[in-house]
Amino acid sequence: MKFRLFFILLCLVWGSTWLAIKIGVDHAPPLWSAGTRFFLAGVLLLCWYRWKHGSFRLEGKAFRHLFILGVLVIAVTFGLIYWGEQWVSSGLTAVLVQGLIPILMLLFSSLYRQSRLNAPLIGGIVLGLLGVFVIFMPQVQSPDNKMAILGMISIILGTTAYCWGAVISKDTLNQYSSILVSGLENLLGGAILMVVAPFVEWKEIISWEYVHQTFVISWLYLVIIGSIVGFTMFTYLLKEWGAIRVSLYSFFTPMVAILLGTLIYGERITWEQLLGSAMVLLGVWITNRYTSEKKRQQQPVQLQRE
């Protein structure tokens, strides 16, 4: 019962972060907002790790991998997502990101020969990608939605960078504590965004007009609740349930994001977007289900080898 409660809380927390990001980018420069958020989250996670485990040492190769992870998974991913969400609703952003992560992870894993695709998995991937196409169509048909199209493309590219970085850094992730890895990638990625942001957002940053109650509350919510509390629950569930079962959060968080965006922020969602979102989420369910079945089928073989 306790673990189910944590899972529900995780879905609510990470589902609500998309609305918090939307509120933030509606009031503040997106790259600077993302950079300061992840830099502070990285500092707090590393302080937590040092308090729990003491000092740490990394091999040069591992640090290079973590730097790449910080660039791809934090700086590129969230720089593009934050920028794109200026013109895309929080619910639709959640569908694109959380829906495409399982699909793109499978594609990259297959490309790097870490897993194999079968007919059901390919079907789930195709269904999910068709859902993205359905979401795009109303935007493409309207000449006034140029920035919305660019925003969605930016979000998809950011999600692609996330999946690529996660797959190529799999060995490093398995060697070190998840708290340490997350802290370093947040710190490095946030620092990179904070360096880049002044080159494109200098006037907005130095104006300080964005520093008011709405922005500060959303920013602190993302740092403390989204990054620290959410990550803690996620790590705890990973140890108790395993990655496959916990990964189901990617099916529920878009639903939470759509509901909160509609009820709290007054975001509109069209029937095409609802249909496309349903197709994406069904594709996610199929890929999760058959990935889980493949893992279960492989488990007896692994036990026999041991």
Protein backbone atom coordinates (compact mmCIF):
# COMPACT_ATOMS: atom_id res chain seq x y z
CA MET A 1 0.00 0.00 0.00
CA LYS A 2 2.83 2.40 0.89
CA PHE A 3 4.57 1.87 -2.45
CA ARG A 4 1.33 2.44 -4.38
CA LEU A 5 0.86 5.70 -2.49
CA PHE A 6 4.39 6.79 -3.42
CA PHE A 7 3.70 5.89 -7.05
CA ILE A 8 0.51 7.97 -7.06
CA LEU A 9 2.39 10.89 -5.49
CA LEU A 10 5.16 10.53 -8.07
CA CYS A 11 2.64 10.72 -10.92
CA LEU A 12 1.01 13.78 -9.35
CA VAL A 13 4.33 15.53 -8.70
CA TRP A 14 5.88 14.90 -12.10
CA GLY A 15 2.56 15.50 -13.83
CA SER A 16 2.30 18.91 -12.17
CA THR A 17 5.83 20.01 -13.11
CA TRP A 18 4.74 20.67 -16.71
CA LEU A 19 2.26 23.29 -15.52
CA ALA A 20 4.93 24.81 -13.25
CA ILE A 21 7.31 25.05 -16.22
CA LYS A 22 4.56 26.66 -18.32
CA ILE A 23 3.88 29.25 -15.63
CA GLY A 24 7.60 29.95 -15.34
CA VAL A 25 8.29 30.43 -19.06
CA ASP A 26 5.22 32.67 -19.37
CA HIS A 27 6.93 35.11 -16.97
CA ALA A 28 10.71 34.59 -17.25
CA PRO A 29 13.49 33.85 -19.78
CA PRO A 30 13.25 30.08 -20.42
CA LEU A 31 16.94 29.12 -20.62
CA TRP A 32 17.85 31.09 -17.51
CA SER A 33 14.88 29.60 -15.63
CA ALA A 34 15.92 26.07 -16.58
CA GLY A 35 19.61 26.65 -15.86
CA THR A 36 19.14 28.09 -12.37
CA ARG A 37 16.61 25.38 -11.52
CA PHE A 38 18.85 22.46 -12.43
CA PHE A 39 22.03 24.04 -11.06
CA LEU A 40 20.47 24.50 -7.62
CA ALA A 41 18.89 21.03 -7.76
CA GLY A 42 22.33 19.57 -8.58
CA VAL A 43 23.94 21.40 -5.64
CA LEU A 44 21.26 20.12 -3.25
CA LEU A 45 21.50 16.53 -4.52
CA LEU A 46 25.31 16.50 -4.21
CA CYS A 47 25.08 17.93 -0.68
CA TRP A 48 22.63 15.16 0.14
CA TYR A 49 24.97 12.53 -1.32
CA ARG A 50 27.95 13.86 0.63
CA TRP A 51 25.92 13.88 3.84
CA LYS A 52 24.80 10.27 3.28
CA HIS A 53 27.94 8.75 1.75
CA GLY A 54 30.87 11.14 2.24
CA SER A 55 33.26 12.18 -0.52
CA PHE A 56 33.34 10.59 -3.95
CA ARG A 57 35.79 9.98 -6.77
CA LEU A 58 35.10 9.56 -10.46
CA GLU A 59 37.28 8.08 -13.15
CA GLY A 60 38.15 10.38 -16.05
CA LYS A 61 36.08 8.29 -18.46
CA ALA A 62 33.07 8.36 -16.14
CA PHE A 63 33.31 12.13 -15.74
CA ARG A 64 33.39 12.55 -19.53
CA HIS A 65 30.26 10.43 -19.82
CA LEU A 66 28.57 12.44 -17.08
CA PHE A 67 29.51 15.66 -18.85
CA ILE A 68 27.92 14.34 -22.04
CA LEU A 69 24.90 13.32 -19.97
CA GLY A 70 24.66 16.81 -18.48
CA VAL A 71 24.87 18.38 -21.94
CA LEU A 72 22.31 16.12 -23.61
CA VAL A 73 19.93 15.12 -20.81
CA ILE A 74 19.77 18.49 -19.03
CA ALA A 75 21.15 21.39 -21.09
CA VAL A 76 19.96 20.42 -24.58
CA THR A 77 16.83 18.57 -23.46
CA PHE A 78 15.38 21.11 -21.08
CA GLY A 79 16.73 24.12 -22.92
CA LEU A 80 14.67 23.03 -25.94
CA ILE A 81 11.66 21.92 -23.86
CA TYR A 82 11.52 25.16 -21.86
CA TRP A 83 11.88 27.22 -25.03
CA GLY A 84 9.22 25.22 -26.88
CA GLU A 85 6.70 25.30 -24.04
CA GLN A 86 6.37 29.06 -24.46
CA TRP A 87 3.99 28.28 -27.36
CA VAL A 88 2.73 24.79 -26.44
CA SER A 89 0.33 23.92 -23.63
CA SER A 90 1.66 22.11 -20.57
CA GLY A 91 -0.58 19.08 -21.20
CA LEU A 92 0.49 18.70 -24.81
CA THR A 93 4.14 19.10 -23.79
CA ALA A 94 3.75 16.29 -21.26
CA VAL A 95 2.19 14.02 -23.90
CA LEU A 96 5.00 14.68 -26.39
CA VAL A 97 7.79 14.21 -23.84
CA GLN A 98 6.47 11.35 -21.73
CA GLY A 99 4.90 9.64 -24.72
CA LEU A 100 8.01 9.77 -26.89
CA ILE A 101 10.53 8.78 -24.20
CA PRO A 102 9.62 5.04 -24.10
CA ILE A 103 9.32 4.96 -27.90
CA LEU A 104 12.61 6.73 -28.62
CA MET A 105 14.40 4.78 -25.88
CA LEU A 106 13.45 1.55 -27.64
CA LEU A 107 14.61 2.91 -30.99
CA PHE A 108 17.97 4.08 -29.64
CA SER A 109 18.45 0.87 -27.64
CA SER A 110 17.83 -1.12 -30.80
CA LEU A 111 20.21 1.11 -32.78
CA TYR A 112 22.97 0.51 -30.20
CA ARG A 113 22.05 -3.21 -30.04
CA GLN A 114 21.04 -3.06 -26.39
CA SER A 115 17.62 -4.54 -27.20
CA ARG A 116 15.67 -6.05 -30.07
CA LEU A 117 12.39 -4.97 -31.56
CA ASN A 118 9.53 -7.38 -32.24
CA ALA A 119 6.18 -6.94 -33.99
CA PRO A 120 4.18 -5.67 -30.96
CA LEU A 121 6.90 -3.18 -30.05
CA ILE A 122 7.10 -1.91 -33.62
CA GLY A 123 3.31 -1.60 -33.62
CA GLY A 124 3.39 0.45 -30.42
CA ILE A 125 6.13 2.70 -31.80
CA VAL A 126 4.25 3.27 -35.07
CA LEU A 127 0.99 4.01 -33.20
CA GLY A 128 2.75 6.52 -30.96
CA LEU A 129 4.40 8.28 -33.90
CA LEU A 130 1.07 8.42 -35.75
CA GLY A 131 -0.40 10.03 -32.64
CA VAL A 132 2.27 12.75 -32.81
CA PHE A 133 1.36 13.27 -36.49
CA VAL A 134 -2.34 13.68 -35.56
CA ILE A 135 -1.37 16.28 -32.93
CA PHE A 136 0.70 18.18 -35.49
CA MET A 137 -1.87 18.26 -38.30
CA PRO A 138 -4.16 21.09 -37.01
CA GLN A 139 -1.09 23.25 -36.36
CA VAL A 140 0.32 22.65 -39.84
CA GLN A 141 -2.99 23.46 -41.51
CA SER A 142 -3.25 26.85 -39.78
CA PRO A 143 -0.90 29.57 -41.09
CA ASP A 144 -1.07 31.41 -37.75
CA ASN A 145 0.52 28.59 -35.74
CA LYS A 146 4.14 28.90 -36.91
CA MET A 147 5.55 29.33 -33.40
CA ALA A 148 3.42 26.47 -32.04
CA ILE A 149 4.90 24.18 -34.72
CA LEU A 150 8.44 25.35 -33.89
CA GLY A 151 7.67 24.85 -30.20
CA MET A 152 6.54 21.25 -30.72
CA ILE A 153 9.55 20.51 -32.93
CA SER A 154 11.81 21.95 -30.21
CA ILE A 155 10.17 19.74 -27.56
CA ILE A 156 10.53 16.63 -29.74
CA LEU A 157 14.21 17.39 -30.44
CA GLY A 158 14.80 17.90 -26.72
CA THR A 159 13.16 14.57 -25.93
CA THR A 160 15.30 12.89 -28.60
CA ALA A 161 18.46 14.30 -26.99
CA TYR A 162 17.32 12.97 -23.61
CA CYS A 163 16.80 9.43 -24.91
CA TRP A 164 20.07 9.40 -26.85
CA GLY A 165 22.02 10.60 -23.81
CA ALA A 166 20.36 8.07 -21.51
CA VAL A 167 21.12 5.13 -23.83
CA ILE A 168 24.78 5.97 -24.56
CA SER A 169 25.49 6.56 -20.85
CA LYS A 170 23.87 3.34 -19.61
CA ASP A 171 27.15 1.80 -18.38
CA THR A 172 28.07 4.90 -16.37
CA LEU A 173 24.62 5.03 -14.80
CA ASN A 174 25.04 1.43 -13.61
CA GLN A 175 28.45 2.07 -12.01
CA TYR A 176 27.59 4.92 -9.65
CA SER A 177 24.85 5.96 -7.25
CA SER A 178 21.78 7.38 -8.95
CA ILE A 179 21.85 10.34 -6.53
CA LEU A 180 25.45 11.14 -7.46
CA VAL A 181 24.82 10.80 -11.19
CA SER A 182 21.67 12.91 -11.04
CA GLY A 183 23.37 15.57 -8.92
CA LEU A 184 26.33 15.90 -11.26
CA GLU A 185 24.28 15.92 -14.45
CA ASN A 186 21.92 18.53 -12.99
CA LEU A 187 24.84 20.67 -11.83
CA LEU A 188 26.75 20.45 -15.13
CA GLY A 189 23.69 20.85 -17.34
CA GLY A 190 22.37 23.75 -15.30
CA ALA A 191 25.75 25.49 -15.38
CA ILE A 192 25.91 25.15 -19.18
CA LEU A 193 22.45 26.69 -19.56
CA MET A 194 23.40 29.53 -17.21
CA VAL A 195 26.44 30.26 -19.39
CA VAL A 196 24.48 30.11 -22.66
CA ALA A 197 21.38 32.02 -21.48
CA PRO A 198 22.97 35.51 -21.25
CA PHE A 199 23.96 35.35 -24.92
CA VAL A 200 20.32 35.07 -26.02
CA GLU A 201 18.35 36.40 -23.05
CA TRP A 202 20.60 39.11 -21.61
CA LYS A 203 18.03 41.93 -21.67
CA GLU A 204 15.35 39.78 -20.04
CA ILE A 205 17.76 38.47 -17.39
CA ILE A 206 19.10 41.84 -16.22
CA SER A 207 15.66 43.47 -16.23
CA TRP A 208 14.61 41.44 -13.16
CA GLU A 209 10.98 42.06 -14.12
CA TYR A 210 10.29 38.33 -13.93
CA VAL A 211 11.25 38.09 -10.25
CA HIS A 212 7.84 38.21 -8.65
CA GLN A 213 5.64 35.89 -6.62
CA THR A 214 4.24 33.76 -9.46
CA PHE A 215 7.62 32.97 -11.00
CA VAL A 216 9.38 32.41 -7.67
CA ILE A 217 6.71 29.97 -6.46
CA SER A 218 6.78 27.95 -9.71
CA TRP A 219 10.61 27.95 -9.73
CA LEU A 220 10.90 26.80 -6.11
CA TYR A 221 8.23 24.15 -6.74
CA LEU A 222 10.30 22.75 -9.62
CA VAL A 223 13.54 22.76 -7.60
CA ILE A 224 12.20 21.31 -4.36
CA ILE A 225 9.12 19.28 -5.29
CA GLY A 226 9.86 18.41 -8.92
CA SER A 227 13.59 17.68 -8.67
CA ILE A 228 14.32 16.75 -5.04
CA VAL A 229 11.08 15.19 -3.74
CA GLY A 230 10.17 13.63 -7.11
CA PHE A 231 13.62 12.16 -7.60
CA THR A 232 13.67 10.77 -4.05
CA MET A 233 10.36 8.94 -4.55
CA PHE A 234 11.48 7.73 -7.98
CA THR A 235 14.76 6.34 -6.59
CA TYR A 236 12.95 4.66 -3.70
CA LEU A 237 10.44 3.00 -6.03
CA LEU A 238 13.21 1.87 -8.38
CA LYS A 239 14.77 -0.11 -5.54
CA GLU A 240 11.46 -1.63 -4.42
CA TRP A 241 9.60 -2.17 -7.70
CA GLY A 242 12.25 -2.15 -10.43
CA ALA A 243 12.57 0.04 -13.50
CA ILE A 244 9.90 -1.64 -15.65
CA ARG A 245 7.02 -1.24 -13.19
CA VAL A 246 8.03 2.29 -12.18
CA SER A 247 8.29 3.33 -15.86
CA LEU A 248 4.48 3.21 -16.01
CA TYR A 249 4.54 6.74 -14.57
CA SER A 250 5.10 7.93 -18.15
CA PHE A 251 1.56 6.74 -18.95
CA PHE A 252 -0.13 8.62 -16.10
CA THR A 253 1.79 11.91 -15.85
CA PRO A 254 0.47 13.30 -19.18
CA MET A 255 -3.09 12.71 -17.96
CA VAL A 256 -2.31 14.65 -14.79
CA ALA A 257 -0.69 17.45 -16.83
CA ILE A 258 -3.66 17.76 -19.21
CA LEU A 259 -6.14 17.83 -16.31
CA LEU A 260 -4.20 20.45 -14.31
CA GLY A 261 -3.52 22.59 -17.37
CA THR A 262 -7.20 22.62 -18.27
CA LEU A 263 -8.61 23.17 -14.76
CA ILE A 264 -6.01 25.53 -13.29
CA TYR A 265 -4.47 27.38 -16.24
CA GLY A 266 -7.44 27.37 -18.60
CA GLU A 267 -5.57 25.60 -21.40
CA ARG A 268 -7.68 24.46 -24.34
CA ILE A 269 -7.26 21.07 -25.93
CA THR A 270 -8.85 20.16 -29.28
CA TRP A 271 -10.38 16.82 -30.22
CA GLU A 272 -7.43 16.22 -32.60
CA GLN A 273 -5.03 16.74 -29.73
CA LEU A 274 -7.07 14.41 -27.52
CA LEU A 275 -7.15 11.74 -30.24
CA GLY A 276 -3.42 12.08 -30.92
CA SER A 277 -2.65 12.02 -27.19
CA ALA A 278 -4.72 8.86 -26.75
CA MET A 279 -2.82 7.21 -29.63
CA VAL A 280 0.54 8.21 -28.12
CA LEU A 281 -0.40 6.92 -24.67
CA LEU A 282 -1.77 3.67 -26.12
CA GLY A 283 1.53 3.25 -27.96
CA VAL A 284 3.35 3.81 -24.65
CA TRP A 285 1.17 1.18 -22.94
CA ILE A 286 1.89 -1.36 -25.70
CA THR A 287 5.66 -0.76 -25.63
CA ASN A 288 5.72 -0.94 -21.80
CA ARG A 289 3.67 -4.12 -21.75
CA TYR A 290 5.72 -6.04 -24.28
CA THR A 291 9.03 -4.74 -22.96
CA SER A 292 7.97 -6.08 -19.55
CA GLU A 293 7.05 -9.45 -21.04
CA LYS A 294 10.44 -9.71 -22.79
CA LYS A 295 12.20 -8.96 -19.50
CA ARG A 296 10.20 -11.62 -17.68
CA GLN A 297 10.95 -14.18 -20.39
CA GLN A 298 14.67 -13.43 -20.16
CA GLN A 299 14.78 -13.61 -16.35
CA PRO A 300 14.92 -17.47 -15.98
CA VAL A 301 17.88 -17.59 -18.40
CA GLN A 302 19.75 -15.02 -16.33
CA LEU A 303 19.09 -16.98 -13.15
CA GLN A 304 20.38 -20.20 -14.73
CA ARG A 305 23.62 -18.47 -15.75
CA GLU A 306 24.15 -17.28 -12.20
